[in-house]
């Protein structure tokens, strides 16, 4: 690597001389001598405290101006250097980094495309030998780390598809249903089988409910027929009673008054039609 020149260096180190420690002691002593906690609340003492405060504010203002001047002097050369550094050094590095990144990204894209082309080519080779007819390149989760991993990803995917199809063929009359569900679940055989079993269970439950309802309806119809027959027979019996032939009889009865009274009571109770002469 090329040895870089020493472009950043300080030829003369500035020195700041101050007596901040000494000044701090003086200020602390002045405040302690006031004994603010013990001072009496008189008008004279209030004026004294105000005057002391004003002097302290004036002093700190003066020191702040000195500090700012020192900072300005020290930063003057630095600000000139910083502006020149950003324009000529930092900007150049940033632009170079951008160019390098674009070049790296371009190479990476070309390498990725090369691996993708290889994966598609290898997939077509496998499908030329045994194509189950359902494989789409974009749905395969391929590890593009290297060509070996690409082949392994494709081989495992195709093998899983073929194994699933062999299992689906064992489902007899439900083969078509399972195959359709398997396609909808994106070749997830476990999920497809679970869904098929659930669907069959629901269908069987509905079939049982239909049979039970039909049985109840058939039983109700039979009971209605029996009831209808019974009602008809009772009606016929009632009809016979109603059309029973009425005959006229003449009787000569010899009885005592009490016996005649009982006979009349019998005739009235049983609804006989009679004439007394």
C-alpha atoms as a PDB file:
ATOM      1  CA  UNK A   1       0.000   0.000   0.000  1.00  0.00           C
ATOM      2  CA  UNK A   2       1.261   3.489  -0.865  1.00  0.00           C
ATOM      3  CA  UNK A   3       2.511   5.425   2.134  1.00  0.00           C
ATOM      4  CA  UNK A   4       0.189   8.381   2.714  1.00  0.00           C
ATOM      5  CA  UNK A   5       1.668  11.791   3.435  1.00  0.00           C
ATOM      6  CA  UNK A   6       1.258  13.290   6.881  1.00  0.00           C
ATOM      7  CA  UNK A   7      -1.296  15.904   5.837  1.00  0.00           C
ATOM      8  CA  UNK A   8      -2.680  16.656   9.305  1.00  0.00           C
ATOM      9  CA  UNK A   9      -0.294  17.945  11.942  1.00  0.00           C
ATOM     10  CA  UNK A  10       0.003  20.783  14.464  1.00  0.00           C
ATOM     11  CA  UNK A  11       3.253  22.717  14.138  1.00  0.00           C
ATOM     12  CA  UNK A  12       2.756  24.844  17.224  1.00  0.00           C
ATOM     13  CA  UNK A  13       0.691  23.835  20.248  1.00  0.00           C
ATOM     14  CA  UNK A  14      -1.141  26.819  21.790  1.00  0.00           C
ATOM     15  CA  UNK A  15      -0.950  27.267  25.538  1.00  0.00           C
ATOM     16  CA  UNK A  16      -3.739  28.754  27.639  1.00  0.00           C
ATOM     17  CA  UNK A  17      -2.663  30.270  30.939  1.00  0.00           C
ATOM     18  CA  UNK A  18      -5.364  30.937  33.511  1.00  0.00           C
ATOM     19  CA  UNK A  19      -5.886  31.202  37.261  1.00  0.00           C
ATOM     20  CA  UNK A  20      -9.291  29.551  37.463  1.00  0.00           C
ATOM     21  CA  UNK A  21      -8.439  27.655  40.626  1.00  0.00           C
ATOM     22  CA  UNK A  22      -7.249  30.808  42.385  1.00  0.00           C
ATOM     23  CA  UNK A  23     -10.290  32.748  41.178  1.00  0.00           C
ATOM     24  CA  UNK A  24     -12.649  30.021  42.379  1.00  0.00           C
ATOM     25  CA  UNK A  25     -11.168  30.193  45.873  1.00  0.00           C
ATOM     26  CA  UNK A  26     -11.598  33.966  46.003  1.00  0.00           C
ATOM     27  CA  UNK A  27     -15.245  33.784  44.926  1.00  0.00           C
ATOM     28  CA  UNK A  28     -16.041  31.020  47.426  1.00  0.00           C
ATOM     29  CA  UNK A  29     -14.413  33.038  50.201  1.00  0.00           C
ATOM     30  CA  UNK A  30     -16.416  36.164  49.349  1.00  0.00           C
ATOM     31  CA  UNK A  31     -19.683  34.205  49.417  1.00  0.00           C
ATOM     32  CA  UNK A  32     -18.793  32.480  52.708  1.00  0.00           C
ATOM     33  CA  UNK A  33     -17.988  35.831  54.366  1.00  0.00           C
ATOM     34  CA  UNK A  34     -21.503  37.041  53.603  1.00  0.00           C
ATOM     35  CA  UNK A  35     -22.927  34.314  55.910  1.00  0.00           C
ATOM     36  CA  UNK A  36     -26.169  34.385  53.938  1.00  0.00           C
ATOM     37  CA  UNK A  37     -27.893  31.790  56.158  1.00  0.00           C
ATOM     38  CA  UNK A  38     -27.470  34.031  59.226  1.00  0.00           C
ATOM     39  CA  UNK A  39     -28.079  37.443  57.699  1.00  0.00           C
ATOM     40  CA  UNK A  40     -30.868  39.499  59.234  1.00  0.00           C
ATOM     41  CA  UNK A  41     -33.847  40.427  56.990  1.00  0.00           C
ATOM     42  CA  UNK A  42     -33.197  44.166  56.960  1.00  0.00           C
ATOM     43  CA  UNK A  43     -33.378  46.654  54.090  1.00  0.00           C
ATOM     44  CA  UNK A  44     -29.683  47.372  54.398  1.00  0.00           C
ATOM     45  CA  UNK A  45     -28.766  43.699  54.126  1.00  0.00           C
ATOM     46  CA  UNK A  46     -31.065  43.303  51.110  1.00  0.00           C
ATOM     47  CA  UNK A  47     -29.214  46.139  49.345  1.00  0.00           C
ATOM     48  CA  UNK A  48     -25.905  44.495  50.219  1.00  0.00           C
ATOM     49  CA  UNK A  49     -26.955  41.165  48.739  1.00  0.00           C
ATOM     50  CA  UNK A  50     -28.240  42.857  45.583  1.00  0.00           C
ATOM     51  CA  UNK A  51     -24.976  44.718  45.144  1.00  0.00           C
ATOM     52  CA  UNK A  52     -22.974  41.538  45.657  1.00  0.00           C
ATOM     53  CA  UNK A  53     -25.101  39.714  43.111  1.00  0.00           C
ATOM     54  CA  UNK A  54     -24.690  42.512  40.558  1.00  0.00           C
ATOM     55  CA  UNK A  55     -20.903  42.480  40.984  1.00  0.00           C
ATOM     56  CA  UNK A  56     -20.768  38.702  40.553  1.00  0.00           C
ATOM     57  CA  UNK A  57     -22.869  38.891  37.370  1.00  0.00           C
ATOM     58  CA  UNK A  58     -20.624  41.628  36.007  1.00  0.00           C
ATOM     59  CA  UNK A  59     -17.527  39.593  36.760  1.00  0.00           C
ATOM     60  CA  UNK A  60     -18.835  36.385  35.148  1.00  0.00           C
ATOM     61  CA  UNK A  61     -19.892  38.345  32.078  1.00  0.00           C
ATOM     62  CA  UNK A  62     -16.353  39.662  31.731  1.00  0.00           C
ATOM     63  CA  UNK A  63     -14.872  36.177  32.125  1.00  0.00           C
ATOM     64  CA  UNK A  64     -17.296  34.775  29.544  1.00  0.00           C
ATOM     65  CA  UNK A  65     -16.138  37.369  27.019  1.00  0.00           C
ATOM     66  CA  UNK A  66     -12.528  36.392  27.642  1.00  0.00           C
ATOM     67  CA  UNK A  67     -13.371  32.699  27.181  1.00  0.00           C
ATOM     68  CA  UNK A  68     -15.138  33.319  23.890  1.00  0.00           C
ATOM     69  CA  UNK A  69     -12.219  35.358  22.562  1.00  0.00           C
ATOM     70  CA  UNK A  70      -9.787  32.583  23.435  1.00  0.00           C
ATOM     71  CA  UNK A  71     -12.030  30.020  21.693  1.00  0.00           C
ATOM     72  CA  UNK A  72     -12.326  32.195  18.609  1.00  0.00           C
ATOM     73  CA  UNK A  73      -8.558  32.587  18.373  1.00  0.00           C
ATOM     74  CA  UNK A  74      -7.963  28.870  18.793  1.00  0.00           C
ATOM     75  CA  UNK A  75     -10.686  27.849  16.327  1.00  0.00           C
ATOM     76  CA  UNK A  76      -9.752  30.323  13.624  1.00  0.00           C
ATOM     77  CA  UNK A  77      -6.999  28.176  12.142  1.00  0.00           C
ATOM     78  CA  UNK A  78      -9.004  25.001  12.766  1.00  0.00           C
ATOM     79  CA  UNK A  79     -12.070  26.285  10.895  1.00  0.00           C
ATOM     80  CA  UNK A  80      -9.908  27.127   7.878  1.00  0.00           C
ATOM     81  CA  UNK A  81      -8.335  23.694   8.009  1.00  0.00           C
ATOM     82  CA  UNK A  82     -11.720  21.916   8.456  1.00  0.00           C
ATOM     83  CA  UNK A  83     -13.264  23.587   5.417  1.00  0.00           C
ATOM     84  CA  UNK A  84     -10.263  22.722   3.253  1.00  0.00           C
ATOM     85  CA  UNK A  85     -10.176  19.154   4.613  1.00  0.00           C
ATOM     86  CA  UNK A  86     -13.885  18.505   3.869  1.00  0.00           C
ATOM     87  CA  UNK A  87     -13.625  19.812   0.299  1.00  0.00           C
ATOM     88  CA  UNK A  88     -10.350  18.217  -0.737  1.00  0.00           C
ATOM     89  CA  UNK A  89     -10.047  15.071   1.388  1.00  0.00           C
ATOM     90  CA  UNK A  90     -13.361  13.881   2.844  1.00  0.00           C
ATOM     91  CA  UNK A  91     -15.357  14.604  -0.338  1.00  0.00           C
ATOM     92  CA  UNK A  92     -12.777  12.743  -2.427  1.00  0.00           C
ATOM     93  CA  UNK A  93     -12.951   9.681  -0.151  1.00  0.00           C
ATOM     94  CA  UNK A  94     -16.753   9.712  -0.140  1.00  0.00           C
ATOM     95  CA  UNK A  95     -16.925   9.928  -3.950  1.00  0.00           C
ATOM     96  CA  UNK A  96     -14.364   7.146  -4.293  1.00  0.00           C
ATOM     97  CA  UNK A  97     -16.307   4.984  -1.823  1.00  0.00           C
ATOM     98  CA  UNK A  98     -19.484   5.515  -3.870  1.00  0.00           C
ATOM     99  CA  UNK A  99     -17.726   4.452  -7.076  1.00  0.00           C
ATOM    100  CA  UNK A 100     -16.269   1.373  -5.391  1.00  0.00           C
ATOM    101  CA  UNK A 101     -19.649   0.397  -3.909  1.00  0.00           C
ATOM    102  CA  UNK A 102     -21.325   0.645  -7.316  1.00  0.00           C
ATOM    103  CA  UNK A 103     -18.613  -1.513  -8.849  1.00  0.00           C
ATOM    104  CA  UNK A 104     -18.958  -4.105  -6.070  1.00  0.00           C
ATOM    105  CA  UNK A 105     -22.753  -4.140  -6.418  1.00  0.00           C
ATOM    106  CA  UNK A 106     -22.443  -4.640 -10.173  1.00  0.00           C
ATOM    107  CA  UNK A 107     -20.134  -7.605  -9.715  1.00  0.00           C
ATOM    108  CA  UNK A 108     -22.473  -9.035  -7.057  1.00  0.00           C
ATOM    109  CA  UNK A 109     -25.478  -8.717  -9.363  1.00  0.00           C
ATOM    110  CA  UNK A 110     -23.611 -10.476 -12.155  1.00  0.00           C
ATOM    111  CA  UNK A 111     -22.568 -13.259  -9.782  1.00  0.00           C
ATOM    112  CA  UNK A 112     -26.134 -13.606  -8.475  1.00  0.00           C
ATOM    113  CA  UNK A 113     -27.495 -13.788 -12.003  1.00  0.00           C
ATOM    114  CA  UNK A 114     -24.893 -16.396 -12.934  1.00  0.00           C
ATOM    115  CA  UNK A 115     -25.943 -18.569  -9.975  1.00  0.00           C
ATOM    116  CA  UNK A 116     -29.625 -18.072 -10.788  1.00  0.00           C
ATOM    117  CA  UNK A 117     -29.022 -19.088 -14.411  1.00  0.00           C
ATOM    118  CA  UNK A 118     -27.180 -22.166 -13.185  1.00  0.00           C
ATOM    119  CA  UNK A 119     -30.061 -23.036 -10.840  1.00  0.00           C
ATOM    120  CA  UNK A 120     -32.615 -22.751 -13.662  1.00  0.00           C
ATOM    121  CA  UNK A 121     -30.454 -24.848 -15.948  1.00  0.00           C
ATOM    122  CA  UNK A 122     -30.040 -27.554 -13.292  1.00  0.00           C
ATOM    123  CA  UNK A 123     -33.777 -27.551 -12.550  1.00  0.00           C
ATOM    124  CA  UNK A 124     -34.567 -28.089 -16.240  1.00  0.00           C
ATOM    125  CA  UNK A 125     -32.114 -31.004 -16.313  1.00  0.00           C
ATOM    126  CA  UNK A 126     -33.889 -32.637 -13.372  1.00  0.00           C
ATOM    127  CA  UNK A 127     -37.350 -32.038 -14.808  1.00  0.00           C
ATOM    128  CA  UNK A 128     -36.284 -33.516 -18.137  1.00  0.00           C
ATOM    129  CA  UNK A 129     -35.846 -36.824 -16.290  1.00  0.00           C
ATOM    130  CA  UNK A 130     -38.933 -36.661 -14.081  1.00  0.00           C
ATOM    131  CA  UNK A 131     -41.358 -33.734 -14.234  1.00  0.00           C
ATOM    132  CA  UNK A 132     -44.297 -33.938 -11.791  1.00  0.00           C
ATOM    133  CA  UNK A 133     -45.903 -31.026 -13.632  1.00  0.00           C
ATOM    134  CA  UNK A 134     -46.399 -28.730 -10.652  1.00  0.00           C
ATOM    135  CA  UNK A 135     -42.945 -27.231 -10.020  1.00  0.00           C
ATOM    136  CA  UNK A 136     -42.395 -23.491 -10.511  1.00  0.00           C
ATOM    137  CA  UNK A 137     -38.876 -22.106 -10.309  1.00  0.00           C
ATOM    138  CA  UNK A 138     -39.813 -18.957  -8.362  1.00  0.00           C
ATOM    139  CA  UNK A 139     -41.461 -21.009  -5.575  1.00  0.00           C
ATOM    140  CA  UNK A 140     -38.325 -22.997  -4.783  1.00  0.00           C
ATOM    141  CA  UNK A 141     -36.356 -21.757  -1.768  1.00  0.00           C
ATOM    142  CA  UNK A 142     -32.811 -22.014  -3.125  1.00  0.00           C
ATOM    143  CA  UNK A 143     -29.614 -21.541  -1.154  1.00  0.00           C
ATOM    144  CA  UNK A 144     -27.367 -19.567  -3.529  1.00  0.00           C
ATOM    145  CA  UNK A 145     -24.243 -19.860  -1.382  1.00  0.00           C
ATOM    146  CA  UNK A 146     -22.588 -21.999  -4.057  1.00  0.00           C
ATOM    147  CA  UNK A 147     -23.472 -24.416  -6.856  1.00  0.00           C
ATOM    148  CA  UNK A 148     -23.456 -27.405  -4.512  1.00  0.00           C
ATOM    149  CA  UNK A 149     -26.027 -25.789  -2.253  1.00  0.00           C
ATOM    150  CA  UNK A 150     -28.103 -24.870  -5.308  1.00  0.00           C
ATOM    151  CA  UNK A 151     -28.222 -28.491  -6.476  1.00  0.00           C
ATOM    152  CA  UNK A 152     -29.017 -29.701  -2.973  1.00  0.00           C
ATOM    153  CA  UNK A 153     -31.898 -27.220  -2.603  1.00  0.00           C
ATOM    154  CA  UNK A 154     -33.450 -28.235  -5.926  1.00  0.00           C
ATOM    155  CA  UNK A 155     -32.944 -31.963  -5.336  1.00  0.00           C
ATOM    156  CA  UNK A 156     -34.600 -31.822  -1.923  1.00  0.00           C
ATOM    157  CA  UNK A 157     -37.517 -29.789  -3.274  1.00  0.00           C
ATOM    158  CA  UNK A 158     -38.208 -32.156  -6.178  1.00  0.00           C
ATOM    159  CA  UNK A 159     -37.793 -35.258  -4.000  1.00  0.00           C
ATOM    160  CA  UNK A 160     -40.310 -33.894  -1.484  1.00  0.00           C
ATOM    161  CA  UNK A 161     -42.785 -33.203  -4.298  1.00  0.00           C
ATOM    162  CA  UNK A 162     -42.444 -36.731  -5.685  1.00  0.00           C
ATOM    163  CA  UNK A 163     -42.795 -38.313  -2.238  1.00  0.00           C
ATOM    164  CA  UNK A 164     -45.941 -36.286  -1.587  1.00  0.00           C
ATOM    165  CA  UNK A 165     -47.455 -37.356  -4.913  1.00  0.00           C
ATOM    166  CA  UNK A 166     -46.775 -41.024  -4.116  1.00  0.00           C
ATOM    167  CA  UNK A 167     -48.547 -40.647  -0.768  1.00  0.00           C
ATOM    168  CA  UNK A 168     -51.496 -38.855  -2.380  1.00  0.00           C
ATOM    169  CA  UNK A 169     -51.958 -41.779  -4.797  1.00  0.00           C
ATOM    170  CA  UNK A 170     -52.666 -44.062  -1.824  1.00  0.00           C
ATOM    171  CA  UNK A 171     -55.841 -42.147  -0.879  1.00  0.00           C
ATOM    172  CA  UNK A 172     -58.090 -43.971  -3.350  1.00  0.00           C
ATOM    173  CA  UNK A 173     -61.374 -42.179  -3.992  1.00  0.00           C
ATOM    174  CA  UNK A 174     -60.086 -39.131  -2.100  1.00  0.00           C
ATOM    175  CA  UNK A 175     -56.919 -38.850  -4.198  1.00  0.00           C
ATOM    176  CA  UNK A 176     -58.303 -36.043  -6.348  1.00  0.00           C
ATOM    177  CA  UNK A 177     -59.580 -34.082  -3.355  1.00  0.00           C
ATOM    178  CA  UNK A 178     -56.286 -34.395  -1.503  1.00  0.00           C
ATOM    179  CA  UNK A 179     -54.332 -33.398  -4.615  1.00  0.00           C
ATOM    180  CA  UNK A 180     -56.438 -30.241  -5.039  1.00  0.00           C
ATOM    181  CA  UNK A 181     -55.998 -29.274  -1.369  1.00  0.00           C
ATOM    182  CA  UNK A 182     -52.264 -30.016  -1.596  1.00  0.00           C
ATOM    183  CA  UNK A 183     -51.949 -27.552  -4.482  1.00  0.00           C
ATOM    184  CA  UNK A 184     -53.844 -24.869  -2.537  1.00  0.00           C
ATOM    185  CA  UNK A 185     -51.573 -25.318   0.497  1.00  0.00           C
ATOM    186  CA  UNK A 186     -48.464 -24.778  -1.647  1.00  0.00           C
ATOM    187  CA  UNK A 187     -47.412 -28.456  -1.476  1.00  0.00           C
ATOM    188  CA  UNK A 188     -47.756 -28.737   2.311  1.00  0.00           C
ATOM    189  CA  UNK A 189     -48.834 -32.387   2.549  1.00  0.00           C
ATOM    190  CA  UNK A 190     -49.329 -32.454   6.324  1.00  0.00           C
ATOM    191  CA  UNK A 191     -51.634 -29.436   6.193  1.00  0.00           C
ATOM    192  CA  UNK A 192     -53.473 -30.882   3.181  1.00  0.00           C
ATOM    193  CA  UNK A 193     -54.116 -34.235   4.878  1.00  0.00           C
ATOM    194  CA  UNK A 194     -55.310 -32.512   8.043  1.00  0.00           C
ATOM    195  CA  UNK A 195     -57.726 -30.363   6.055  1.00  0.00           C
ATOM    196  CA  UNK A 196     -59.014 -33.377   4.094  1.00  0.00           C
ATOM    197  CA  UNK A 197     -59.654 -35.337   7.302  1.00  0.00           C
ATOM    198  CA  UNK A 198     -61.493 -32.378   8.788  1.00  0.00           C
ATOM    199  CA  UNK A 199     -63.626 -32.023   5.662  1.00  0.00           C
ATOM    200  CA  UNK A 200     -64.492 -35.743   5.683  1.00  0.00           C
ATOM    201  CA  UNK A 201     -65.396 -35.605   9.378  1.00  0.00           C
ATOM    202  CA  UNK A 202     -67.721 -32.654   8.747  1.00  0.00           C
ATOM    203  CA  UNK A 203     -69.348 -34.453   5.814  1.00  0.00           C
ATOM    204  CA  UNK A 204     -69.916 -37.614   7.865  1.00  0.00           C
ATOM    205  CA  UNK A 205     -71.451 -35.578  10.662  1.00  0.00           C
ATOM    206  CA  UNK A 206     -73.808 -33.893   8.201  1.00  0.00           C
ATOM    207  CA  UNK A 207     -74.701 -37.288   6.717  1.00  0.00           C
ATOM    208  CA  UNK A 208     -75.532 -38.664  10.175  1.00  0.00           C
ATOM    209  CA  UNK A 209     -77.686 -35.640  10.931  1.00  0.00           C
ATOM    210  CA  UNK A 210     -79.559 -36.031   7.627  1.00  0.00           C
ATOM    211  CA  UNK A 211     -80.212 -39.743   8.272  1.00  0.00           C
ATOM    212  CA  UNK A 212     -81.401 -39.024  11.813  1.00  0.00           C
ATOM    213  CA  UNK A 213     -83.741 -36.291  10.530  1.00  0.00           C
ATOM    214  CA  UNK A 214     -85.113 -38.580   7.800  1.00  0.00           C
ATOM    215  CA  UNK A 215     -85.667 -41.355  10.368  1.00  0.00           C
ATOM    216  CA  UNK A 216     -87.558 -38.965  12.645  1.00  0.00           C
ATOM    217  CA  UNK A 217     -89.669 -37.752   9.739  1.00  0.00           C
ATOM    218  CA  UNK A 218     -90.463 -41.358   8.655  1.00  0.00           C
ATOM    219  CA  UNK A 219     -91.444 -42.265  12.217  1.00  0.00           C
ATOM    220  CA  UNK A 220     -93.659 -39.199  12.422  1.00  0.00           C
ATOM    221  CA  UNK A 221     -95.373 -40.176   9.173  1.00  0.00           C
ATOM    222  CA  UNK A 222     -96.047 -43.732  10.448  1.00  0.00           C
ATOM    223  CA  UNK A 223     -97.431 -42.412  13.723  1.00  0.00           C
ATOM    224  CA  UNK A 224     -99.679 -40.049  11.764  1.00  0.00           C
ATOM    225  CA  UNK A 225    -100.992 -42.961   9.660  1.00  0.00           C
ATOM    226  CA  UNK A 226    -101.788 -45.023  12.777  1.00  0.00           C
ATOM    227  CA  UNK A 227    -103.526 -42.078  14.392  1.00  0.00           C
ATOM    228  CA  UNK A 228    -105.503 -41.443  11.204  1.00  0.00           C
ATOM    229  CA  UNK A 229    -106.624 -45.086  11.005  1.00  0.00           C
ATOM    230  CA  UNK A 230    -107.638 -45.067  14.666  1.00  0.00           C
ATOM    231  CA  UNK A 231    -109.591 -41.861  14.240  1.00  0.00           C
ATOM    232  CA  UNK A 232    -111.376 -43.266  11.164  1.00  0.00           C
ATOM    233  CA  UNK A 233    -112.372 -46.458  12.981  1.00  0.00           C
ATOM    234  CA  UNK A 234    -113.696 -44.470  15.924  1.00  0.00           C
ATOM    235  CA  UNK A 235    -115.646 -42.264  13.564  1.00  0.00           C
ATOM    236  CA  UNK A 236    -117.164 -45.313  11.858  1.00  0.00           C
ATOM    237  CA  UNK A 237    -118.177 -46.750  15.204  1.00  0.00           C
ATOM    238  CA  UNK A 238    -119.800 -43.463  16.152  1.00  0.00           C
ATOM    239  CA  UNK A 239    -121.584 -43.414  12.792  1.00  0.00           C
ATOM    240  CA  UNK A 240    -123.061 -46.862  13.393  1.00  0.00           C
ATOM    241  CA  UNK A 241    -124.406 -45.718  16.708  1.00  0.00           C
ATOM    242  CA  UNK A 242    -125.903 -42.644  15.227  1.00  0.00           C
ATOM    243  CA  UNK A 243    -127.809 -44.509  12.445  1.00  0.00           C
ATOM    244  CA  UNK A 244    -128.913 -47.403  14.656  1.00  0.00           C
ATOM    245  CA  UNK A 245    -132.532 -48.342  13.767  1.00  0.00           C
ATOM    246  CA  UNK A 246    -135.193 -46.954  16.107  1.00  0.00           C
ATOM    247  CA  UNK A 247    -138.254 -49.180  16.765  1.00  0.00           C
ATOM    248  CA  UNK A 248    -141.572 -48.444  18.419  1.00  0.00           C
ATOM    249  CA  UNK A 249    -142.746 -50.731  21.181  1.00  0.00           C
ATOM    250  CA  UNK A 250    -146.081 -50.742  23.128  1.00  0.00           C
ATOM    251  CA  UNK A 251    -145.933 -52.119  26.646  1.00  0.00           C
ATOM    252  CA  UNK A 252    -148.606 -52.598  29.271  1.00  0.00           C
ATOM    253  CA  UNK A 253    -147.051 -52.214  32.700  1.00  0.00           C
ATOM    254  CA  UNK A 254    -148.725 -52.936  35.986  1.00  0.00           C
ATOM    255  CA  UNK A 255    -146.903 -51.257  38.836  1.00  0.00           C
ATOM    256  CA  UNK A 256    -147.280 -49.485  42.073  1.00  0.00           C
ATOM    257  CA  UNK A 257    -146.787 -45.717  42.157  1.00  0.00           C
ATOM    258  CA  UNK A 258    -143.264 -46.116  43.584  1.00  0.00           C
ATOM    259  CA  UNK A 259    -142.347 -48.686  40.917  1.00  0.00           C
ATOM    260  CA  UNK A 260    -143.699 -46.448  38.181  1.00  0.00           C
ATOM    261  CA  UNK A 261    -141.618 -43.578  39.579  1.00  0.00           C
ATOM    262  CA  UNK A 262    -138.432 -45.664  39.337  1.00  0.00           C
ATOM    263  CA  UNK A 263    -139.318 -46.716  35.795  1.00  0.00           C
ATOM    264  CA  UNK A 264    -139.736 -43.111  34.715  1.00  0.00           C
ATOM    265  CA  UNK A 265    -136.411 -42.210  36.315  1.00  0.00           C
ATOM    266  CA  UNK A 266    -134.727 -45.045  34.322  1.00  0.00           C
ATOM    267  CA  UNK A 267    -136.272 -43.874  31.052  1.00  0.00           C
ATOM    268  CA  UNK A 268    -135.176 -40.284  31.610  1.00  0.00           C
ATOM    269  CA  UNK A 269    -131.651 -41.246  32.673  1.00  0.00           C
ATOM    270  CA  UNK A 270    -131.062 -43.367  29.551  1.00  0.00           C
ATOM    271  CA  UNK A 271    -132.682 -40.890  27.175  1.00  0.00           C
ATOM    272  CA  UNK A 272    -135.590 -43.055  26.085  1.00  0.00           C
ATOM    273  CA  UNK A 273    -138.409 -41.493  24.088  1.00  0.00           C
ATOM    274  CA  UNK A 274    -141.788 -42.547  25.568  1.00  0.00           C
ATOM    275  CA  UNK A 275    -145.445 -41.557  25.720  1.00  0.00           C
ATOM    276  CA  UNK A 276    -147.706 -41.968  28.694  1.00  0.00           C
ATOM    277  CA  UNK A 277    -151.510 -42.334  28.171  1.00  0.00           C
END
